[in-house]
N, C-alpha and C. Protein backbone atom coordinates (compact mmCIF):
# COMPACT_ATOMS: atom_id res chain seq x y z
N MET A 1 16.62 -37.55 34.70
CA MET A 1 15.39 -36.82 34.35
C MET A 1 14.83 -37.39 33.05
N ALA A 2 13.60 -37.90 33.10
CA ALA A 2 13.00 -38.53 31.93
C ALA A 2 12.62 -37.47 30.90
N ALA A 3 12.73 -37.84 29.62
CA ALA A 3 12.36 -36.94 28.55
C ALA A 3 10.85 -37.00 28.34
N SER A 4 10.23 -35.84 28.19
CA SER A 4 8.79 -35.77 27.96
C SER A 4 8.51 -35.42 26.49
N PRO A 5 7.53 -36.09 25.88
CA PRO A 5 7.13 -35.70 24.52
C PRO A 5 6.51 -34.31 24.55
N MET A 6 6.75 -33.54 23.50
CA MET A 6 6.36 -32.13 23.51
C MET A 6 5.60 -31.74 22.25
N PHE A 7 4.61 -30.88 22.44
CA PHE A 7 3.90 -30.23 21.34
C PHE A 7 4.20 -28.73 21.40
N PRO A 8 5.11 -28.20 20.59
CA PRO A 8 5.23 -26.74 20.47
C PRO A 8 4.08 -26.23 19.60
N LEU A 9 3.34 -25.25 20.11
CA LEU A 9 2.14 -24.77 19.43
C LEU A 9 2.13 -23.25 19.35
N GLY A 10 1.22 -22.74 18.56
CA GLY A 10 1.05 -21.30 18.43
C GLY A 10 0.11 -20.73 19.47
N SER A 11 -0.16 -21.48 20.52
CA SER A 11 -1.07 -21.03 21.56
C SER A 11 -0.60 -21.53 22.92
N VAL A 12 -1.05 -20.86 23.97
CA VAL A 12 -0.70 -21.19 25.35
C VAL A 12 -1.77 -22.10 25.93
N LEU A 13 -1.34 -23.11 26.67
CA LEU A 13 -2.27 -23.98 27.40
C LEU A 13 -2.14 -23.67 28.89
N PHE A 14 -3.29 -23.47 29.55
CA PHE A 14 -3.32 -23.25 30.98
C PHE A 14 -3.73 -24.53 31.71
N PRO A 15 -3.33 -24.69 32.96
CA PRO A 15 -3.87 -25.79 33.77
C PRO A 15 -5.40 -25.73 33.83
N PHE A 16 -6.02 -26.89 33.89
CA PHE A 16 -7.48 -27.03 34.01
C PHE A 16 -8.24 -26.60 32.76
N VAL A 17 -7.54 -26.44 31.65
CA VAL A 17 -8.19 -26.00 30.41
C VAL A 17 -7.94 -27.05 29.33
N ALA A 18 -8.95 -27.32 28.53
CA ALA A 18 -8.84 -28.32 27.46
C ALA A 18 -8.23 -27.71 26.21
N ILE A 19 -7.52 -28.54 25.45
CA ILE A 19 -6.97 -28.10 24.18
C ILE A 19 -7.21 -29.18 23.13
N PRO A 20 -7.99 -28.86 22.09
CA PRO A 20 -8.19 -29.81 20.99
C PRO A 20 -7.10 -29.63 19.94
N LEU A 21 -6.60 -30.71 19.42
CA LEU A 21 -5.52 -30.65 18.43
C LEU A 21 -5.84 -31.56 17.24
N ARG A 22 -5.60 -31.04 16.06
CA ARG A 22 -5.65 -31.87 14.83
C ARG A 22 -4.21 -32.26 14.50
N VAL A 23 -3.93 -33.54 14.53
CA VAL A 23 -2.57 -34.03 14.35
C VAL A 23 -2.44 -34.64 12.96
N PHE A 24 -1.50 -34.11 12.18
CA PHE A 24 -1.32 -34.61 10.81
C PHE A 24 0.14 -34.79 10.44
N GLU A 25 1.04 -34.05 11.13
CA GLU A 25 2.46 -34.16 10.81
C GLU A 25 2.98 -35.52 11.29
N PRO A 26 3.77 -36.23 10.47
CA PRO A 26 4.19 -37.59 10.81
C PRO A 26 4.82 -37.73 12.19
N ARG A 27 5.67 -36.76 12.58
CA ARG A 27 6.36 -36.92 13.87
C ARG A 27 5.39 -36.83 15.05
N TYR A 28 4.32 -36.03 14.89
CA TYR A 28 3.35 -35.94 15.98
C TYR A 28 2.37 -37.12 15.97
N LEU A 29 2.12 -37.68 14.80
CA LEU A 29 1.35 -38.91 14.75
C LEU A 29 2.11 -40.02 15.47
N THR A 30 3.44 -40.05 15.29
CA THR A 30 4.27 -41.02 16.01
C THR A 30 4.20 -40.78 17.51
N LEU A 31 4.29 -39.50 17.92
CA LEU A 31 4.23 -39.15 19.34
C LEU A 31 2.93 -39.66 19.97
N VAL A 32 1.79 -39.35 19.34
CA VAL A 32 0.51 -39.76 19.91
C VAL A 32 0.38 -41.28 19.90
N GLY A 33 0.86 -41.91 18.83
CA GLY A 33 0.81 -43.37 18.77
C GLY A 33 1.56 -44.01 19.92
N ARG A 34 2.72 -43.46 20.27
CA ARG A 34 3.49 -44.01 21.39
C ARG A 34 2.81 -43.74 22.72
N LEU A 35 2.17 -42.57 22.85
CA LEU A 35 1.43 -42.28 24.07
C LEU A 35 0.32 -43.31 24.26
N LEU A 36 -0.38 -43.60 23.20
CA LEU A 36 -1.51 -44.53 23.29
C LEU A 36 -1.04 -45.96 23.55
N ASP A 37 0.20 -46.26 23.19
CA ASP A 37 0.73 -47.60 23.43
C ASP A 37 1.19 -47.81 24.86
N GLU A 38 1.43 -46.70 25.60
CA GLU A 38 1.96 -46.81 26.94
C GLU A 38 0.84 -47.01 27.97
N VAL A 39 1.17 -47.67 29.05
CA VAL A 39 0.23 -47.82 30.16
C VAL A 39 0.59 -46.85 31.28
N GLU A 40 1.83 -46.87 31.73
CA GLU A 40 2.33 -45.95 32.74
C GLU A 40 3.71 -45.47 32.31
N PRO A 41 3.98 -44.18 32.37
CA PRO A 41 3.12 -43.10 32.83
C PRO A 41 2.47 -42.36 31.67
N GLY A 42 2.14 -43.04 30.59
CA GLY A 42 1.75 -42.43 29.33
C GLY A 42 0.60 -41.46 29.39
N PHE A 43 0.15 -41.08 28.24
CA PHE A 43 -0.99 -40.19 28.07
C PHE A 43 -0.73 -38.76 28.53
N GLU A 44 0.52 -38.37 28.67
CA GLU A 44 0.84 -36.99 28.99
C GLU A 44 1.88 -36.45 28.02
N PHE A 45 1.75 -35.17 27.70
CA PHE A 45 2.73 -34.50 26.85
C PHE A 45 2.81 -33.04 27.26
N GLY A 46 3.91 -32.39 26.93
CA GLY A 46 4.10 -30.99 27.27
C GLY A 46 3.66 -30.08 26.13
N VAL A 47 3.11 -28.93 26.47
CA VAL A 47 2.71 -27.92 25.49
C VAL A 47 3.46 -26.63 25.79
N VAL A 48 4.16 -26.11 24.79
CA VAL A 48 4.85 -24.82 24.94
C VAL A 48 4.48 -23.92 23.77
N LEU A 49 4.53 -22.63 24.03
CA LEU A 49 4.24 -21.63 23.00
C LEU A 49 5.44 -21.49 22.06
N ILE A 50 5.16 -21.45 20.76
CA ILE A 50 6.19 -21.10 19.78
C ILE A 50 6.29 -19.58 19.74
N GLU A 51 7.44 -19.06 20.14
CA GLU A 51 7.62 -17.61 20.19
C GLU A 51 7.96 -17.04 18.82
N ARG A 52 8.60 -17.85 18.00
CA ARG A 52 8.96 -17.41 16.65
C ARG A 52 9.07 -18.63 15.75
N GLY A 53 8.55 -18.51 14.53
CA GLY A 53 8.63 -19.63 13.60
C GLY A 53 7.29 -20.33 13.48
N SER A 54 7.32 -21.53 12.92
CA SER A 54 6.10 -22.29 12.64
C SER A 54 6.12 -23.61 13.38
N GLU A 55 4.92 -24.11 13.73
CA GLU A 55 4.84 -25.40 14.42
C GLU A 55 5.02 -26.56 13.45
N ALA A 56 4.95 -26.30 12.15
CA ALA A 56 5.12 -27.36 11.16
C ALA A 56 6.56 -27.37 10.67
N GLY A 57 7.21 -28.50 10.75
CA GLY A 57 8.52 -28.67 10.16
C GLY A 57 9.69 -28.35 11.05
N GLY A 58 9.48 -27.80 12.22
CA GLY A 58 10.58 -27.51 13.13
C GLY A 58 11.25 -26.18 12.81
N GLY A 59 12.41 -25.92 13.45
CA GLY A 59 13.14 -24.69 13.25
C GLY A 59 12.53 -23.51 13.98
N ASP A 60 11.70 -23.79 14.97
CA ASP A 60 11.01 -22.73 15.69
C ASP A 60 11.77 -22.35 16.96
N GLN A 61 11.40 -21.19 17.52
CA GLN A 61 11.92 -20.76 18.82
C GLN A 61 10.82 -20.96 19.85
N ARG A 62 11.13 -21.72 20.91
CA ARG A 62 10.10 -22.17 21.84
C ARG A 62 10.23 -21.52 23.20
N ALA A 63 9.09 -21.28 23.83
CA ALA A 63 9.06 -20.69 25.16
C ALA A 63 9.63 -21.67 26.18
N SER A 64 10.06 -21.14 27.32
CA SER A 64 10.71 -21.97 28.34
C SER A 64 9.76 -22.46 29.41
N VAL A 65 8.54 -21.92 29.45
CA VAL A 65 7.54 -22.35 30.43
C VAL A 65 6.33 -22.88 29.68
N GLY A 66 5.80 -24.01 30.12
CA GLY A 66 4.64 -24.60 29.46
C GLY A 66 3.79 -25.37 30.45
N THR A 67 2.89 -26.18 29.91
CA THR A 67 1.94 -26.92 30.72
C THR A 67 1.86 -28.37 30.26
N ILE A 68 1.86 -29.28 31.20
CA ILE A 68 1.63 -30.69 30.90
C ILE A 68 0.16 -30.88 30.55
N ALA A 69 -0.12 -31.64 29.49
CA ALA A 69 -1.49 -31.97 29.12
C ALA A 69 -1.71 -33.46 29.29
N HIS A 70 -2.84 -33.80 29.85
CA HIS A 70 -3.25 -35.20 29.96
C HIS A 70 -4.16 -35.52 28.78
N LEU A 71 -3.81 -36.53 28.01
CA LEU A 71 -4.59 -36.90 26.84
C LEU A 71 -5.88 -37.58 27.28
N VAL A 72 -7.03 -37.00 26.90
CA VAL A 72 -8.31 -37.54 27.35
C VAL A 72 -9.11 -38.21 26.24
N SER A 73 -8.81 -37.88 24.98
CA SER A 73 -9.50 -38.55 23.89
C SER A 73 -8.68 -38.49 22.62
N ALA A 74 -8.89 -39.47 21.76
CA ALA A 74 -8.22 -39.53 20.46
C ALA A 74 -9.14 -40.23 19.47
N THR A 75 -9.42 -39.57 18.36
CA THR A 75 -10.23 -40.15 17.29
C THR A 75 -9.53 -39.89 15.97
N ALA A 76 -9.84 -40.70 14.97
CA ALA A 76 -9.15 -40.59 13.69
C ALA A 76 -10.15 -40.63 12.55
N ASP A 77 -9.77 -39.94 11.46
CA ASP A 77 -10.48 -40.13 10.20
C ASP A 77 -9.48 -40.66 9.18
N ALA A 78 -9.76 -40.54 7.92
CA ALA A 78 -8.90 -41.15 6.90
C ALA A 78 -7.51 -40.54 6.87
N ASP A 79 -7.39 -39.26 7.22
CA ASP A 79 -6.12 -38.56 7.06
C ASP A 79 -5.50 -38.04 8.35
N ASP A 80 -6.31 -37.68 9.31
CA ASP A 80 -5.81 -36.98 10.49
C ASP A 80 -6.24 -37.67 11.78
N LEU A 81 -5.56 -37.27 12.84
CA LEU A 81 -5.90 -37.73 14.19
C LEU A 81 -6.34 -36.50 14.98
N PHE A 82 -7.42 -36.64 15.72
CA PHE A 82 -7.94 -35.54 16.53
C PHE A 82 -7.85 -35.93 17.99
N ILE A 83 -7.14 -35.11 18.77
CA ILE A 83 -6.96 -35.43 20.18
C ILE A 83 -7.41 -34.25 21.03
N VAL A 84 -7.72 -34.54 22.27
CA VAL A 84 -8.04 -33.49 23.26
C VAL A 84 -7.20 -33.76 24.50
N GLY A 85 -6.50 -32.74 24.95
CA GLY A 85 -5.74 -32.81 26.18
C GLY A 85 -6.27 -31.79 27.18
N VAL A 86 -6.03 -32.04 28.46
CA VAL A 86 -6.42 -31.09 29.50
C VAL A 86 -5.18 -30.72 30.30
N GLY A 87 -4.95 -29.43 30.46
CA GLY A 87 -3.77 -28.96 31.19
C GLY A 87 -3.78 -29.38 32.64
N THR A 88 -2.60 -29.74 33.15
CA THR A 88 -2.49 -30.15 34.55
C THR A 88 -1.47 -29.28 35.27
N ARG A 89 -0.17 -29.59 35.13
CA ARG A 89 0.88 -28.88 35.87
C ARG A 89 1.72 -28.02 34.94
N ARG A 90 2.27 -26.94 35.48
CA ARG A 90 3.18 -26.09 34.72
C ARG A 90 4.62 -26.59 34.89
N PHE A 91 5.45 -26.29 33.92
CA PHE A 91 6.84 -26.73 33.97
C PHE A 91 7.76 -25.68 33.36
N THR A 92 9.05 -25.85 33.67
CA THR A 92 10.12 -25.12 32.99
C THR A 92 10.92 -26.11 32.17
N VAL A 93 11.25 -25.75 30.95
CA VAL A 93 12.09 -26.60 30.10
C VAL A 93 13.54 -26.45 30.53
N GLU A 94 14.14 -27.55 30.94
CA GLU A 94 15.56 -27.54 31.32
C GLU A 94 16.46 -27.73 30.11
N ALA A 95 16.04 -28.58 29.18
CA ALA A 95 16.85 -28.84 27.98
C ALA A 95 15.98 -29.47 26.90
N TRP A 96 16.17 -29.01 25.69
CA TRP A 96 15.52 -29.65 24.54
C TRP A 96 16.43 -30.76 24.02
N LEU A 97 15.83 -31.88 23.66
CA LEU A 97 16.55 -33.00 23.08
C LEU A 97 16.33 -33.03 21.58
N ASP A 98 16.92 -34.00 20.92
CA ASP A 98 16.76 -34.14 19.48
C ASP A 98 15.28 -34.29 19.12
N ASP A 99 14.85 -33.61 18.06
CA ASP A 99 13.45 -33.69 17.63
C ASP A 99 13.12 -35.02 16.94
N ASP A 100 14.10 -35.87 16.73
CA ASP A 100 13.88 -37.16 16.08
C ASP A 100 13.61 -38.22 17.15
N PRO A 101 12.48 -38.91 17.16
CA PRO A 101 11.43 -38.93 16.13
C PRO A 101 10.37 -37.86 16.31
N TYR A 102 10.38 -37.15 17.45
CA TYR A 102 9.44 -36.05 17.70
C TYR A 102 10.04 -35.19 18.80
N PRO A 103 9.55 -33.94 18.97
CA PRO A 103 10.14 -33.06 19.98
C PRO A 103 10.04 -33.66 21.39
N ARG A 104 11.15 -33.55 22.11
CA ARG A 104 11.21 -34.04 23.50
C ARG A 104 12.03 -33.04 24.31
N ALA A 105 11.75 -33.00 25.62
CA ALA A 105 12.50 -32.08 26.47
C ALA A 105 12.56 -32.62 27.89
N GLU A 106 13.60 -32.20 28.60
CA GLU A 106 13.70 -32.49 30.04
C GLU A 106 13.06 -31.33 30.79
N LEU A 107 12.17 -31.66 31.71
CA LEU A 107 11.34 -30.64 32.36
C LEU A 107 11.51 -30.66 33.87
N SER A 108 11.30 -29.50 34.48
CA SER A 108 11.17 -29.38 35.93
C SER A 108 9.79 -28.80 36.22
N MET A 109 9.04 -29.43 37.11
CA MET A 109 7.70 -28.96 37.42
C MET A 109 7.75 -27.70 38.28
N LEU A 110 6.88 -26.77 37.98
CA LEU A 110 6.73 -25.56 38.78
C LEU A 110 5.71 -25.80 39.89
N PRO A 111 5.84 -25.11 41.02
CA PRO A 111 4.86 -25.31 42.11
C PRO A 111 3.48 -24.83 41.70
N ASP A 112 2.45 -25.51 42.19
CA ASP A 112 1.08 -25.07 41.96
C ASP A 112 0.84 -23.75 42.68
N LEU A 113 0.03 -22.90 42.08
CA LEU A 113 -0.34 -21.65 42.75
C LEU A 113 -1.36 -21.95 43.84
N GLU A 114 -1.19 -21.33 44.99
CA GLU A 114 -2.03 -21.63 46.15
C GLU A 114 -3.16 -20.61 46.29
N TRP A 115 -4.34 -21.14 46.60
CA TRP A 115 -5.51 -20.31 46.79
C TRP A 115 -5.67 -19.92 48.25
N SER A 116 -6.15 -18.70 48.46
CA SER A 116 -6.54 -18.22 49.79
C SER A 116 -7.91 -17.59 49.66
N ASP A 117 -8.78 -17.83 50.61
CA ASP A 117 -10.11 -17.23 50.57
C ASP A 117 -10.07 -15.71 50.58
N ALA A 118 -8.96 -15.15 51.06
CA ALA A 118 -8.81 -13.69 51.05
C ALA A 118 -8.74 -13.14 49.63
N LEU A 119 -8.50 -14.01 48.65
CA LEU A 119 -8.40 -13.58 47.25
C LEU A 119 -9.76 -13.52 46.56
N GLU A 120 -10.82 -13.95 47.23
CA GLU A 120 -12.12 -14.02 46.58
C GLU A 120 -12.60 -12.69 46.01
N PRO A 121 -12.45 -11.55 46.72
CA PRO A 121 -12.86 -10.28 46.12
C PRO A 121 -12.08 -9.96 44.83
N LEU A 122 -10.79 -10.27 44.81
CA LEU A 122 -9.98 -10.03 43.62
C LEU A 122 -10.42 -10.95 42.49
N ARG A 123 -10.74 -12.20 42.83
CA ARG A 123 -11.20 -13.14 41.81
C ARG A 123 -12.52 -12.66 41.21
N ALA A 124 -13.43 -12.19 42.07
CA ALA A 124 -14.71 -11.69 41.59
C ALA A 124 -14.53 -10.47 40.69
N GLU A 125 -13.60 -9.59 41.06
CA GLU A 125 -13.32 -8.42 40.23
C GLU A 125 -12.77 -8.84 38.88
N ALA A 126 -11.84 -9.80 38.88
CA ALA A 126 -11.25 -10.26 37.63
C ALA A 126 -12.32 -10.88 36.72
N GLU A 127 -13.19 -11.67 37.30
CA GLU A 127 -14.24 -12.29 36.50
C GLU A 127 -15.17 -11.23 35.91
N ALA A 128 -15.54 -10.24 36.70
CA ALA A 128 -16.42 -9.18 36.21
C ALA A 128 -15.77 -8.42 35.06
N VAL A 129 -14.49 -8.10 35.20
CA VAL A 129 -13.77 -7.37 34.14
C VAL A 129 -13.70 -8.21 32.87
N VAL A 130 -13.32 -9.47 33.00
CA VAL A 130 -13.18 -10.32 31.82
C VAL A 130 -14.51 -10.49 31.10
N ARG A 131 -15.56 -10.77 31.83
CA ARG A 131 -16.86 -10.98 31.19
C ARG A 131 -17.38 -9.70 30.53
N ARG A 132 -17.14 -8.56 31.17
CA ARG A 132 -17.57 -7.29 30.58
C ARG A 132 -16.83 -7.00 29.29
N VAL A 133 -15.52 -7.20 29.31
CA VAL A 133 -14.73 -6.89 28.11
C VAL A 133 -15.02 -7.87 26.99
N ILE A 134 -15.21 -9.15 27.33
CA ILE A 134 -15.60 -10.12 26.30
C ILE A 134 -16.86 -9.65 25.59
N ALA A 135 -17.86 -9.26 26.36
CA ALA A 135 -19.11 -8.81 25.77
C ALA A 135 -18.91 -7.55 24.93
N ARG A 136 -18.04 -6.68 25.36
CA ARG A 136 -17.84 -5.42 24.64
C ARG A 136 -17.13 -5.61 23.31
N VAL A 137 -16.18 -6.52 23.27
CA VAL A 137 -15.40 -6.69 22.03
C VAL A 137 -16.01 -7.74 21.12
N ASP A 138 -17.25 -8.12 21.44
CA ASP A 138 -18.00 -9.05 20.58
C ASP A 138 -17.32 -10.39 20.43
N GLU A 139 -16.72 -10.87 21.50
CA GLU A 139 -16.21 -12.24 21.49
C GLU A 139 -17.42 -13.19 21.48
N PRO A 140 -17.20 -14.49 21.15
CA PRO A 140 -18.34 -15.41 21.13
C PRO A 140 -19.11 -15.40 22.44
N GLU A 141 -20.44 -15.44 22.33
CA GLU A 141 -21.27 -15.40 23.53
C GLU A 141 -20.95 -16.54 24.48
N SER A 142 -20.50 -17.67 23.91
CA SER A 142 -20.19 -18.82 24.76
C SER A 142 -19.08 -18.49 25.74
N ASP A 143 -18.13 -17.64 25.31
CA ASP A 143 -17.05 -17.23 26.21
C ASP A 143 -17.56 -16.31 27.30
N ALA A 144 -18.47 -15.40 26.95
CA ALA A 144 -18.98 -14.45 27.93
C ALA A 144 -19.84 -15.15 28.99
N ALA A 145 -20.47 -16.25 28.60
CA ALA A 145 -21.40 -16.91 29.51
C ALA A 145 -20.85 -18.22 30.07
N ILE A 146 -19.63 -18.56 29.72
CA ILE A 146 -19.08 -19.85 30.13
C ILE A 146 -19.10 -20.01 31.64
N GLU A 147 -19.44 -21.18 32.09
CA GLU A 147 -19.49 -21.47 33.52
C GLU A 147 -18.13 -21.95 33.98
N LEU A 148 -17.61 -21.35 35.02
CA LEU A 148 -16.29 -21.70 35.54
C LEU A 148 -16.42 -22.80 36.60
N SER A 149 -15.32 -23.46 36.84
CA SER A 149 -15.28 -24.53 37.83
C SER A 149 -15.62 -24.00 39.23
N GLU A 150 -16.17 -24.87 40.06
CA GLU A 150 -16.41 -24.51 41.45
C GLU A 150 -15.11 -24.51 42.25
N ASP A 151 -14.08 -25.18 41.76
CA ASP A 151 -12.77 -25.15 42.41
C ASP A 151 -12.11 -23.81 42.09
N PRO A 152 -11.73 -23.02 43.09
CA PRO A 152 -11.25 -21.65 42.82
C PRO A 152 -9.97 -21.60 42.00
N VAL A 153 -9.06 -22.55 42.22
CA VAL A 153 -7.82 -22.55 41.44
C VAL A 153 -8.13 -22.83 39.98
N ALA A 154 -8.93 -23.85 39.72
CA ALA A 154 -9.32 -24.15 38.34
C ALA A 154 -10.05 -22.98 37.71
N ALA A 155 -10.93 -22.34 38.48
CA ALA A 155 -11.72 -21.23 37.95
C ALA A 155 -10.83 -20.06 37.53
N VAL A 156 -9.78 -19.78 38.28
CA VAL A 156 -8.89 -18.67 37.93
C VAL A 156 -8.16 -18.97 36.62
N TRP A 157 -7.65 -20.17 36.47
CA TRP A 157 -6.97 -20.52 35.22
C TRP A 157 -7.94 -20.51 34.05
N GLN A 158 -9.15 -20.97 34.26
CA GLN A 158 -10.15 -20.94 33.19
C GLN A 158 -10.51 -19.50 32.82
N LEU A 159 -10.54 -18.63 33.82
CA LEU A 159 -10.79 -17.21 33.56
C LEU A 159 -9.66 -16.62 32.72
N ALA A 160 -8.43 -16.99 33.05
CA ALA A 160 -7.29 -16.53 32.25
C ALA A 160 -7.43 -16.99 30.80
N ALA A 161 -7.97 -18.20 30.61
CA ALA A 161 -8.09 -18.76 29.27
C ALA A 161 -9.14 -18.05 28.42
N ILE A 162 -10.22 -17.55 29.05
CA ILE A 162 -11.27 -16.90 28.25
C ILE A 162 -11.05 -15.40 28.12
N ALA A 163 -10.11 -14.84 28.88
CA ALA A 163 -9.82 -13.40 28.75
C ALA A 163 -9.41 -13.10 27.31
N PRO A 164 -9.91 -12.00 26.73
CA PRO A 164 -9.64 -11.68 25.32
C PRO A 164 -8.24 -11.10 25.14
N LEU A 165 -7.24 -11.99 25.19
CA LEU A 165 -5.84 -11.58 25.16
C LEU A 165 -5.09 -12.29 24.03
N GLY A 166 -3.99 -11.69 23.62
CA GLY A 166 -3.10 -12.33 22.67
C GLY A 166 -2.24 -13.38 23.38
N GLU A 167 -1.55 -14.17 22.58
CA GLU A 167 -0.80 -15.29 23.15
C GLU A 167 0.37 -14.85 24.02
N TYR A 168 1.00 -13.73 23.72
CA TYR A 168 2.12 -13.30 24.56
C TYR A 168 1.62 -12.82 25.92
N ASP A 169 0.44 -12.20 25.95
CA ASP A 169 -0.15 -11.84 27.24
C ASP A 169 -0.53 -13.11 28.01
N ARG A 170 -1.06 -14.10 27.31
CA ARG A 170 -1.39 -15.37 27.96
C ARG A 170 -0.13 -16.02 28.54
N TYR A 171 0.95 -15.90 27.82
CA TYR A 171 2.20 -16.47 28.32
C TYR A 171 2.66 -15.76 29.58
N THR A 172 2.46 -14.45 29.64
CA THR A 172 2.75 -13.70 30.87
C THR A 172 1.95 -14.25 32.03
N LEU A 173 0.67 -14.54 31.79
CA LEU A 173 -0.17 -15.11 32.84
C LEU A 173 0.32 -16.48 33.26
N LEU A 174 0.71 -17.30 32.30
CA LEU A 174 1.17 -18.65 32.61
C LEU A 174 2.37 -18.64 33.54
N ARG A 175 3.20 -17.61 33.44
CA ARG A 175 4.43 -17.55 34.23
C ARG A 175 4.22 -16.95 35.62
N SER A 176 2.98 -16.68 36.00
CA SER A 176 2.70 -16.07 37.31
C SER A 176 3.26 -16.92 38.44
N THR A 177 3.71 -16.25 39.49
CA THR A 177 4.32 -16.95 40.63
C THR A 177 3.41 -16.97 41.86
N SER A 178 2.26 -16.31 41.78
CA SER A 178 1.30 -16.35 42.89
C SER A 178 -0.10 -16.20 42.33
N MET A 179 -1.08 -16.70 43.08
CA MET A 179 -2.46 -16.58 42.63
C MET A 179 -2.90 -15.13 42.61
N GLY A 180 -2.50 -14.36 43.61
CA GLY A 180 -2.85 -12.95 43.62
C GLY A 180 -2.24 -12.22 42.42
N GLY A 181 -0.98 -12.53 42.12
CA GLY A 181 -0.33 -11.92 40.97
C GLY A 181 -1.02 -12.27 39.68
N LEU A 182 -1.45 -13.53 39.55
CA LEU A 182 -2.16 -13.97 38.35
C LEU A 182 -3.46 -13.19 38.18
N LEU A 183 -4.22 -13.05 39.26
CA LEU A 183 -5.48 -12.32 39.17
C LEU A 183 -5.27 -10.85 38.82
N ARG A 184 -4.28 -10.23 39.43
CA ARG A 184 -4.01 -8.82 39.11
C ARG A 184 -3.59 -8.66 37.65
N GLN A 185 -2.79 -9.61 37.15
CA GLN A 185 -2.38 -9.55 35.74
C GLN A 185 -3.56 -9.76 34.80
N VAL A 186 -4.46 -10.66 35.18
CA VAL A 186 -5.67 -10.86 34.36
C VAL A 186 -6.43 -9.55 34.24
N ILE A 187 -6.61 -8.86 35.36
CA ILE A 187 -7.34 -7.58 35.34
C ILE A 187 -6.60 -6.55 34.50
N ASP A 188 -5.31 -6.36 34.79
CA ASP A 188 -4.55 -5.31 34.11
C ASP A 188 -4.45 -5.55 32.60
N LEU A 189 -4.13 -6.79 32.21
CA LEU A 189 -3.97 -7.08 30.78
C LEU A 189 -5.29 -7.01 30.04
N THR A 190 -6.37 -7.41 30.70
CA THR A 190 -7.68 -7.33 30.06
C THR A 190 -8.10 -5.88 29.86
N LEU A 191 -7.84 -5.03 30.86
CA LEU A 191 -8.16 -3.62 30.72
C LEU A 191 -7.30 -2.96 29.64
N GLU A 192 -6.03 -3.36 29.55
CA GLU A 192 -5.17 -2.84 28.48
C GLU A 192 -5.70 -3.26 27.11
N ALA A 193 -6.15 -4.52 27.02
CA ALA A 193 -6.71 -5.01 25.76
C ALA A 193 -7.97 -4.23 25.39
N GLU A 194 -8.78 -3.91 26.40
CA GLU A 194 -10.00 -3.13 26.14
C GLU A 194 -9.65 -1.74 25.62
N GLU A 195 -8.63 -1.11 26.20
CA GLU A 195 -8.21 0.22 25.74
C GLU A 195 -7.70 0.15 24.29
N LEU A 196 -6.97 -0.89 23.98
CA LEU A 196 -6.47 -1.06 22.62
C LEU A 196 -7.62 -1.23 21.64
N TRP A 197 -8.60 -2.05 22.04
CA TRP A 197 -9.77 -2.26 21.19
C TRP A 197 -10.52 -0.95 20.98
N ALA A 198 -10.69 -0.20 22.06
CA ALA A 198 -11.44 1.07 21.97
C ALA A 198 -10.73 2.06 21.07
N ALA A 199 -9.41 1.97 21.01
CA ALA A 199 -8.63 2.88 20.18
C ALA A 199 -8.56 2.41 18.73
N GLY A 200 -9.19 1.28 18.45
CA GLY A 200 -9.22 0.78 17.08
C GLY A 200 -8.05 -0.11 16.70
N GLY A 201 -7.26 -0.50 17.72
CA GLY A 201 -6.08 -1.32 17.42
C GLY A 201 -6.34 -2.80 17.42
N GLY A 202 -7.54 -3.22 17.80
CA GLY A 202 -7.83 -4.64 17.86
C GLY A 202 -7.19 -5.29 19.06
N ILE A 203 -7.50 -6.56 19.24
CA ILE A 203 -6.94 -7.32 20.35
C ILE A 203 -6.17 -8.50 19.80
């Protein structure tokens, strides 16, 4: 099983969703440099949520499920490197390896969630709930009006990404085992978040 380069982060990455990263820590600059040097199968890295601790310096506790990101752009200024990745496949971490020279792990890919046209009413309900709650809690207008992919699988993951949820709720969504389950969780967690907001607890 080949070792994959890893970015433990304070946020969840979903399939079909872009993630911009500012890279400044030496070990991650090394990671990106090696990705850019590779032809095959380079330009991919794993993203996992840091459940406890900090993404800088190591010593963190990392989630066991994450998403592979395909590196689509990299630009640099005098001090930092700016990259953008797009989520592709979900994985389970089988084993973490030594963080020297950068975090690496052995991964097993999770099956893609399958779409059925019978889920369209549930998808429409989830989208309506998410857009309504975004507007109510004064999230950026761009999120409330964002256009989703015409591909239904991509659209559901993108909907999960714009739902006004905390990272642990997002992680719950990432671990979904069916498309129907994912949609129901999007609805339930978004409505719970709305109730919390209405009670003055924030989201």
